[in-house]
Amino acid sequence: MTNIHISGLFTRLGQTLHVWRDRARQRRELTRWTDRDLHDVGLSWSDIIREVEKPFWRP
């Protein structure tokens, strides 16, 4: 029974690390967008700065 709980813990930990890594990558990618890209999706540079300054663990 203990092994099942530990396995589930490692699974959740792996999923969380994946989400954090993906979130950090997406935020870095936002800094490479052009003004036209931002205009197309309705974002401003202040929106991007606010998003990029968030720690990777915060959604």
C-alpha atoms as a PDB file:
ATOM      1  CA  MET A   1       0.000   0.000   0.000  1.00  0.00           C
ATOM      2  CA  THR A   2       2.821   2.402   0.795  1.00  0.00           C
ATOM      3  CA  ASN A   3       4.400   1.860  -2.634  1.00  0.00           C
ATOM      4  CA  ILE A   4       1.189   2.966  -4.354  1.00  0.00           C
ATOM      5  CA  HIS A   5       1.158   6.226  -2.400  1.00  0.00           C
ATOM      6  CA  ILE A   6       4.833   6.876  -3.076  1.00  0.00           C
ATOM      7  CA  SER A   7       4.323   6.129  -6.759  1.00  0.00           C
ATOM      8  CA  GLY A   8       1.407   8.569  -6.856  1.00  0.00           C
ATOM      9  CA  LEU A   9       3.507  11.179  -5.103  1.00  0.00           C
ATOM     10  CA  PHE A  10       6.291  10.836  -7.667  1.00  0.00           C
ATOM     11  CA  THR A  11       3.771  10.985 -10.493  1.00  0.00           C
ATOM     12  CA  ARG A  12       2.282  14.225  -9.151  1.00  0.00           C
ATOM     13  CA  LEU A  13       5.744  15.655  -8.541  1.00  0.00           C
ATOM     14  CA  GLY A  14       6.761  14.849 -12.117  1.00  0.00           C
ATOM     15  CA  GLN A  15       3.593  16.448 -13.478  1.00  0.00           C
ATOM     16  CA  THR A  16       4.138  19.575 -11.384  1.00  0.00           C
ATOM     17  CA  LEU A  17       7.743  19.902 -12.552  1.00  0.00           C
ATOM     18  CA  HIS A  18       6.589  19.500 -16.158  1.00  0.00           C
ATOM     19  CA  VAL A  19       3.984  22.262 -15.733  1.00  0.00           C
ATOM     20  CA  TRP A  20       6.550  24.581 -14.133  1.00  0.00           C
ATOM     21  CA  ARG A  21       9.122  23.960 -16.874  1.00  0.00           C
ATOM     22  CA  ASP A  22       6.509  24.496 -19.603  1.00  0.00           C
ATOM     23  CA  ARG A  23       5.235  27.679 -17.938  1.00  0.00           C
ATOM     24  CA  ALA A  24       8.777  29.103 -17.719  1.00  0.00           C
ATOM     25  CA  ARG A  25       9.393  28.252 -21.392  1.00  0.00           C
ATOM     26  CA  GLN A  26       6.157  29.909 -22.494  1.00  0.00           C
ATOM     27  CA  ARG A  27       6.958  33.064 -20.552  1.00  0.00           C
ATOM     28  CA  ARG A  28      10.433  33.262 -22.109  1.00  0.00           C
ATOM     29  CA  GLU A  29       8.845  32.817 -25.534  1.00  0.00           C
ATOM     30  CA  LEU A  30       6.528  35.766 -24.935  1.00  0.00           C
ATOM     31  CA  THR A  31       9.551  38.076 -24.742  1.00  0.00           C
ATOM     32  CA  ARG A  32      10.362  37.210 -28.368  1.00  0.00           C
ATOM     33  CA  TRP A  33       7.001  38.265 -29.748  1.00  0.00           C
ATOM     34  CA  THR A  34       6.821  41.245 -32.072  1.00  0.00           C
ATOM     35  CA  ASP A  35       4.511  44.222 -31.702  1.00  0.00           C
ATOM     36  CA  ARG A  36       2.384  42.745 -34.468  1.00  0.00           C
ATOM     37  CA  ASP A  37       2.106  39.400 -32.644  1.00  0.00           C
ATOM     38  CA  LEU A  38       0.982  41.197 -29.510  1.00  0.00           C
ATOM     39  CA  HIS A  39      -1.518  43.290 -31.441  1.00  0.00           C
ATOM     40  CA  ASP A  40      -2.940  40.169 -33.111  1.00  0.00           C
ATOM     41  CA  VAL A  41      -3.745  38.581 -29.735  1.00  0.00           C
ATOM     42  CA  GLY A  42      -4.711  41.810 -27.983  1.00  0.00           C
ATOM     43  CA  LEU A  43      -1.796  42.053 -25.552  1.00  0.00           C
ATOM     44  CA  SER A  44       0.488  44.940 -24.676  1.00  0.00           C
ATOM     45  CA  TRP A  45       4.101  44.941 -23.568  1.00  0.00           C
ATOM     46  CA  SER A  46       2.955  45.774 -20.046  1.00  0.00           C
ATOM     47  CA  ASP A  47       0.856  42.566 -20.113  1.00  0.00           C
ATOM     48  CA  ILE A  48       3.933  40.620 -21.207  1.00  0.00           C
ATOM     49  CA  ILE A  49       6.158  42.174 -18.549  1.00  0.00           C
ATOM     50  CA  ARG A  50       3.601  41.412 -15.846  1.00  0.00           C
ATOM     51  CA  GLU A  51       3.413  37.770 -17.010  1.00  0.00           C
ATOM     52  CA  VAL A  52       7.162  37.275 -17.423  1.00  0.00           C
ATOM     53  CA  GLU A  53       7.942  38.671 -13.978  1.00  0.00           C
ATOM     54  CA  LYS A  54       5.808  36.013 -12.286  1.00  0.00           C
ATOM     55  CA  PRO A  55       7.699  33.133 -10.698  1.00  0.00           C
ATOM     56  CA  PHE A  56       7.373  29.858 -12.623  1.00  0.00           C
ATOM     57  CA  TRP A  57       5.264  28.287  -9.872  1.00  0.00           C
ATOM     58  CA  ARG A  58       2.525  30.945 -10.095  1.00  0.00           C
ATOM     59  CA  PRO A  59      -0.143  30.488 -12.759  1.00  0.00           C
END
